[in-house]
Protein backbone atom coordinates (compact mmCIF):
# COMPACT_ATOMS: atom_id res chain seq x y z
CA MET A 1 149.15 211.23 99.21
CA ASN A 2 145.59 212.07 98.30
CA LYS A 3 144.65 212.46 102.25
CA ILE A 4 140.98 212.46 103.51
CA LEU A 5 139.71 216.20 104.29
CA TYR A 6 136.14 214.87 105.58
CA GLU A 7 134.45 211.73 106.14
CA TYR A 8 130.53 211.75 107.30
CA ASP A 9 127.34 209.81 106.83
CA ASN A 10 124.36 211.62 105.28
CA GLY A 11 121.48 209.44 105.48
CA ASN A 12 122.14 206.10 104.36
CA ALA A 13 125.35 206.83 102.39
CA HIS A 14 128.94 207.44 103.43
CA VAL A 15 130.68 210.39 102.15
CA VAL A 16 134.43 210.66 102.08
CA ILE A 17 135.82 213.85 100.45
CA LYS A 18 139.96 213.32 99.40
CA GLU A 19 142.48 216.64 99.29
CA ASP A 20 142.06 216.44 95.28
CA GLY A 21 138.58 216.95 95.56
CA THR A 22 137.39 214.01 95.30
CA ARG A 23 134.40 212.81 96.39
CA GLU A 24 133.46 209.02 97.06
CA VAL A 25 129.82 208.34 97.75
CA THR A 26 128.66 204.78 98.93
CA THR A 27 125.72 202.83 100.12
CA GLU A 28 124.56 199.26 100.99
CA ASP A 29 121.04 200.11 99.43
CA ASP A 30 119.87 200.09 95.99
CA GLU A 31 119.85 204.15 95.65
CA PHE A 32 120.84 206.75 97.64
CA VAL A 33 118.33 208.75 100.10
CA PHE A 34 120.37 211.67 101.79
CA GLU A 35 119.24 213.88 104.67
CA VAL A 36 120.77 216.87 103.39
CA PRO A 37 122.07 217.53 99.91
CA LEU A 38 125.57 216.75 99.68
CA ASN A 39 126.72 220.06 97.72
CA ALA A 40 124.59 223.14 96.82
CA ASP A 41 125.38 225.76 93.32
CA ILE A 42 124.99 229.12 95.45
CA LYS A 43 125.03 232.50 93.56
CA ILE A 44 126.35 235.33 95.59
CA SER A 45 126.64 238.08 93.11
CA ASP A 46 124.55 239.21 90.07
CA ARG A 47 127.12 241.83 89.23
CA CYS A 48 129.27 241.13 86.24
CA LYS A 49 131.11 243.25 83.52
CA PHE A 50 131.62 240.58 80.70
CA ALA A 51 127.71 240.32 79.47
CA CYS A 52 128.33 236.67 78.15
CA LYS A 53 125.58 236.39 75.72
CA MET A 54 124.89 232.71 77.03
CA CYS A 55 124.60 233.44 80.63
CA HIS A 56 121.25 231.89 81.68
CA GLU A 57 121.66 234.22 84.90
CA ASN A 58 121.10 237.52 83.09
CA SER A 59 123.93 239.14 85.36
CA THR A 60 124.84 242.43 84.55
CA PRO A 61 127.51 245.30 85.41
CA ASN A 62 125.13 246.69 87.94
CA GLY A 63 123.45 243.37 89.31
CA ASP A 64 122.86 243.19 93.00
CA LEU A 65 125.12 241.65 95.73
CA ALA A 66 123.90 238.69 98.25
CA PRO A 67 124.09 240.15 101.57
CA LEU A 68 125.46 237.48 104.41
CA GLU A 69 122.41 237.44 106.31
CA ASN A 70 121.27 235.31 103.46
CA LEU A 71 123.49 232.64 104.12
CA GLN A 72 123.14 231.65 107.53
CA PHE A 73 121.32 228.48 106.91
CA LEU A 74 125.02 227.28 106.11
CA LYS A 75 125.20 226.82 109.80
CA THR A 76 122.74 223.98 109.62
CA TRP A 77 124.56 222.03 107.08
CA GLY A 78 126.46 220.04 108.71
CA ILE A 79 130.38 218.89 108.21
CA GLY A 80 132.21 219.01 104.59
CA LYS A 81 129.05 219.79 102.61
CA GLU A 82 130.52 221.59 99.32
CA CYS A 83 129.49 225.49 98.55
CA SER A 84 129.83 225.80 94.75
CA LEU A 85 129.72 229.66 94.86
CA GLY A 86 129.09 231.54 91.39
CA GLY A 87 127.31 234.57 90.09
CA GLY A 88 128.04 237.06 88.31
CA ALA A 89 131.38 237.73 89.21
CA LEU A 90 132.65 236.65 92.68
CA THR A 91 135.38 239.46 92.64
CA GLU A 92 132.64 242.01 92.14
CA HIS A 93 131.17 241.20 95.77
CA PRO A 94 133.30 243.44 98.60
CA GLN A 95 132.21 240.71 101.25
CA LEU A 96 133.71 237.78 99.43
CA THR A 97 136.70 237.00 102.23
CA GLU A 98 134.21 237.26 104.72
CA ILE A 99 131.67 234.92 103.14
CA LEU A 100 134.63 232.56 102.59
CA GLN A 101 135.46 232.90 106.02
CA PHE A 102 131.91 232.28 107.63
CA ILE A 103 131.74 229.13 104.87
CA LYS A 104 134.92 228.05 106.45
CA ASP A 105 133.87 228.37 110.04
CA CYS A 106 130.54 226.22 109.46
CA ASP A 107 133.09 223.51 108.74
CA LEU A 108 132.37 223.38 104.89
CA ILE A 109 133.89 223.54 101.63
CA ALA A 110 134.10 226.40 99.48
CA ASN A 111 134.84 226.40 95.69
CA GLY A 112 134.52 229.27 93.22
CA THR A 113 134.13 229.45 89.93
CA PHE A 114 135.38 232.62 87.87
CA HIS A 115 135.52 233.85 83.99
CA GLN A 116 138.84 233.29 82.77
CA ASP A 117 139.62 236.86 82.61
CA GLU A 118 138.26 237.80 85.93
CA LEU A 119 140.80 235.32 86.97
CA VAL A 120 143.56 236.92 85.41
CA GLU A 121 142.63 240.34 86.61
CA ASN A 122 142.16 239.52 90.04
CA PHE A 123 144.63 237.00 90.52
CA GLU A 124 146.45 238.17 93.36
CA LEU A 125 143.46 238.08 95.28
CA ILE A 126 142.16 234.58 94.06
CA LYS A 127 145.31 232.96 95.03
CA SER A 128 145.66 234.54 98.71
CA LEU A 129 142.18 233.22 99.31
CA GLN A 130 143.37 229.88 98.23
CA ASP A 131 146.98 230.25 100.14
CA LYS A 132 144.57 231.11 102.99
CA GLY A 133 142.66 228.05 103.03
CA LEU A 134 139.34 229.84 102.27
CA LEU A 135 139.03 228.85 98.49
CA LYS A 136 139.73 225.11 97.69
CA GLY A 137 138.58 224.35 94.42
CA ILE A 138 138.74 226.68 91.48
CA GLY A 139 136.63 226.49 88.43
CA ILE A 140 137.61 228.38 85.27
CA SER A 141 134.91 229.16 82.67
CA TYR A 142 136.91 228.82 79.33
CA SER A 143 136.52 230.22 76.34
CA HIS A 144 139.96 231.56 74.42
CA GLU A 145 143.62 231.06 74.54
CA ASP A 146 145.53 233.49 77.09
CA GLU A 147 149.12 233.00 78.21
CA ARG A 148 148.60 234.91 81.00
CA LEU A 149 146.11 232.41 82.35
CA VAL A 150 148.67 229.84 81.67
CA GLU A 151 150.90 231.45 84.29
CA CYS A 152 148.26 232.00 86.80
CA VAL A 153 147.16 228.33 87.02
CA LYS A 154 150.81 227.31 87.48
CA GLN A 155 150.27 228.76 91.09
CA LEU A 156 147.01 227.45 92.02
CA ASN A 157 145.72 224.13 92.98
CA ASN A 158 142.49 222.22 92.40
CA VAL A 159 141.72 223.93 89.15
CA VAL A 160 139.14 222.62 87.00
CA PHE A 161 138.64 223.83 83.45
CA HIS A 162 134.73 224.62 83.09
CA VAL A 163 133.17 224.36 79.39
CA ILE A 164 129.66 224.64 77.80
CA ALA A 165 128.43 222.03 75.65
CA GLY A 166 127.84 223.37 71.95
CA LEU A 167 129.87 226.19 72.57
CA VAL A 168 133.54 224.91 73.01
CA PRO A 169 135.39 224.18 69.78
CA TYR A 170 137.43 221.33 69.67
CA LYS A 171 140.47 223.44 68.87
CA ASN A 172 139.72 224.75 72.37
CA LEU A 173 139.79 221.21 74.06
CA ILE A 174 142.85 220.37 72.11
CA TYR A 175 144.43 223.58 73.62
CA LEU A 176 143.61 222.86 77.06
CA SER A 177 144.75 219.13 77.25
CA GLU A 178 148.01 220.37 75.64
CA LYS A 179 148.65 223.66 77.26
CA PHE A 180 147.89 222.20 80.54
CA ASN A 181 149.18 218.94 80.60
CA LYS A 182 145.85 216.91 81.05
CA PRO A 183 144.08 219.32 83.22
CA LYS A 184 140.55 218.59 85.08
CA LEU A 185 137.45 219.31 83.01
CA LEU A 186 133.93 220.14 83.66
CA VAL A 187 131.51 219.75 80.98
CA LEU A 188 128.11 221.77 81.33
CA GLY A 189 125.17 221.55 79.37
CA TYR A 190 124.03 224.10 77.31
CA LYS A 191 121.09 226.35 79.46
CA ASN A 192 118.51 227.41 76.93
CA PHE A 193 117.18 229.78 79.84
CA ARG A 194 117.36 233.33 80.09
CA ARG A 195 120.00 234.94 77.68
CA GLY A 196 121.09 231.62 76.63
CA ASN A 197 117.38 230.89 75.10
CA VAL A 198 118.18 234.19 73.49
CA LEU A 199 121.40 233.22 72.14
CA TYR A 200 119.91 229.46 71.30
CA ASN A 201 117.29 230.97 69.11
CA ILE A 202 120.23 232.60 67.17
CA ILE A 203 122.70 229.90 66.74
CA SER A 204 120.57 226.69 67.52
CA GLU A 205 122.01 224.96 64.43
CA HIS A 206 125.55 225.73 65.53
CA ILE A 207 125.10 224.85 69.11
CA GLU A 208 123.47 221.03 68.38
CA SER A 209 126.14 220.36 65.62
CA ASN A 210 128.74 221.41 68.40
CA ILE A 211 126.71 219.11 70.98
CA GLU A 212 126.77 216.23 68.35
CA LEU A 213 130.23 215.84 67.38
CA LEU A 214 131.80 216.55 71.12
CA SER A 215 128.81 213.46 72.09
CA HIS A 216 131.29 211.57 69.84
CA GLY A 217 134.20 212.65 71.13
CA ILE A 218 133.31 211.38 74.69
CA GLY A 219 136.50 208.82 74.37
CA TRP A 220 138.83 211.62 73.22
CA LEU A 221 137.97 213.97 76.33
CA LEU A 222 138.85 210.58 78.68
CA ALA A 223 142.15 209.87 76.88
CA HIS A 224 143.59 213.51 76.93
CA PHE A 225 141.87 214.92 80.48
CA SER A 226 143.16 213.45 83.78
CA VAL A 227 139.36 213.86 85.09
CA VAL A 228 136.52 214.85 83.02
CA SER A 229 132.93 215.28 84.78
CA PHE A 230 129.32 216.78 83.60
CA ASP A 231 126.72 218.05 85.13
CA ASN A 232 123.22 216.67 84.71
CA LYS A 233 122.11 218.63 81.67
CA GLY A 234 125.80 217.77 79.87
CA LEU A 235 125.23 214.12 80.63
CA GLU A 236 121.97 214.35 79.14
CA GLN A 237 122.73 216.05 75.81
CA LEU A 238 125.78 214.68 75.41
CA ASN A 239 124.17 210.96 75.96
CA VAL A 240 127.24 210.31 78.00
CA GLN A 241 125.69 206.83 79.41
CA LYS A 242 125.94 205.57 75.63
CA TRP A 243 129.70 206.15 75.90
CA VAL A 244 130.77 204.08 78.81
CA ASP A 245 130.19 201.04 80.10
CA LYS A 246 127.78 199.92 82.41
CA GLU A 247 129.92 199.49 85.44
CA THR A 248 131.87 202.70 84.96
CA TRP A 249 128.59 204.37 84.63
CA ASN A 250 127.04 202.80 88.02
CA GLU A 251 130.24 203.70 89.93
CA CYS A 252 130.79 207.27 89.02
CA TYR A 253 127.03 208.35 88.83
CA GLN A 254 126.37 210.32 91.85
CA GLY A 255 122.50 211.27 91.45
CA ASP A 256 119.89 213.61 89.50
CA ASP A 257 119.77 217.35 89.81
CA ARG A 258 117.31 217.49 93.19
CA VAL A 259 118.67 214.35 94.78
CA THR A 260 122.79 215.17 95.27
CA GLY A 261 122.35 218.99 95.38
CA MET A 262 120.07 222.12 95.14
CA TYR A 263 120.48 225.63 93.86
CA ILE A 264 120.16 228.58 96.20
CA ASP A 265 120.11 232.28 94.87
CA ALA A 266 121.01 234.21 97.77
CA VAL A 267 121.08 237.51 95.84
CA LYS A 268 117.26 237.23 95.36
CA GLY A 269 116.57 235.08 98.80
CA GLU A 270 115.27 231.97 96.65
CA PHE A 271 116.27 228.46 96.13
CA ALA A 272 115.30 225.93 93.61
CA GLY A 273 116.07 222.37 92.53
CA ASN A 274 118.55 223.95 89.99
CA SER A 275 119.68 227.25 88.10
CA THR A 276 117.22 226.68 85.41
CA SER A 277 113.87 225.92 87.28
CA VAL A 278 111.27 228.04 87.27
CA ASP A 279 110.10 226.86 90.64
CA ARG A 280 111.68 229.02 93.06
CA TYR A 281 110.71 229.20 97.06
CA PRO A 282 111.80 231.92 99.79
CA LEU A 283 115.03 231.18 101.31
CA ARG A 284 114.45 229.02 104.71
CA ASP A 285 116.78 229.49 108.09
CA ASN A 286 117.36 225.39 107.73
CA ILE A 287 118.89 223.59 104.77
CA LYS A 288 117.18 220.28 105.64
CA GLU A 289 113.69 221.94 105.20
CA MET A 290 114.48 223.51 101.79
CA TYR A 291 116.13 220.25 100.65
CA ASP A 292 112.67 218.31 102.22
CA ILE A 293 110.88 220.68 99.47
CA ILE A 294 112.75 220.19 96.69
CA ARG A 295 112.82 216.20 97.18
CA ASN A 296 108.83 216.34 97.31
CA SER A 297 108.66 218.30 94.36
CA ILE A 298 110.63 215.26 92.44
CA GLN A 299 107.86 212.93 93.96
CA GLU A 300 105.12 215.26 92.70
CA ASP A 301 106.74 214.79 89.05
CA VAL A 302 106.71 211.23 89.40
CA ASN A 303 103.28 211.53 89.99
CA ILE A 304 102.21 213.55 87.43
CA ASP A 305 104.21 211.51 84.81
CA ARG A 306 101.85 208.58 86.30
CA LEU A 307 98.87 210.28 85.05
CA ILE A 308 100.31 210.67 81.33
CA PHE A 309 99.05 208.02 78.83
């Protein structure tokens, strides 16, 4: 049974979070108007030994770590909101367990994203965090075949494989769908930012060709994975709306960046609309204050657009 973990009202929306990670958001109005974000991408580590060429966070083996005091705003968020922790490598943070316990004490949901090799190397730690109820969802940044990963995933719950549009070849997707028996998939748009921008300038034709190919394979993805989701950059790059009917789009689409969520760089003590935004603001003690600034920036963009002829 897919039981309800949290149920709450947020502005004019009613939100239900279920055991398998499903989030249902409904409103009686024509559009959502939230008081606070439903979720936030929170970077707690800028330290990572893998040095991936596409890393738009520019994480390094000697990167900085977020102090716990930069997360005190979580106390003001309200129950059931989702913290998507990332980096950098989460397991490089010596206070990871303490941070996850703090999130749980705030009655929030913690999900974490791990490089696939990071997960294999630190499997016992990550499994123990999930077994203790400190880590709900586990995102795995996938790039290559590894039988060790297969054995690890069998012992975990609420796993979602993350792949990057433009970089993931179809053979990897076929392997995932067959080896893990129709798993959950998150397709991330390619972020042409920081190191990602450097790599794009080198292999832009390859990236764009892969994006085009994957765009035409949306139907195949939906048929071979139990759940397929996209970040907003992925929706745009793959033109997903073109490949699904209007009813499905209206039922599944939950809003643009800066509407449903926001980005927190707890390492530098900054927040923004998303991880590639150049407009950054110093952290505040109250998440509603930060969200209001992000929402106001949307209105400013709209006003600017109206001046363009």
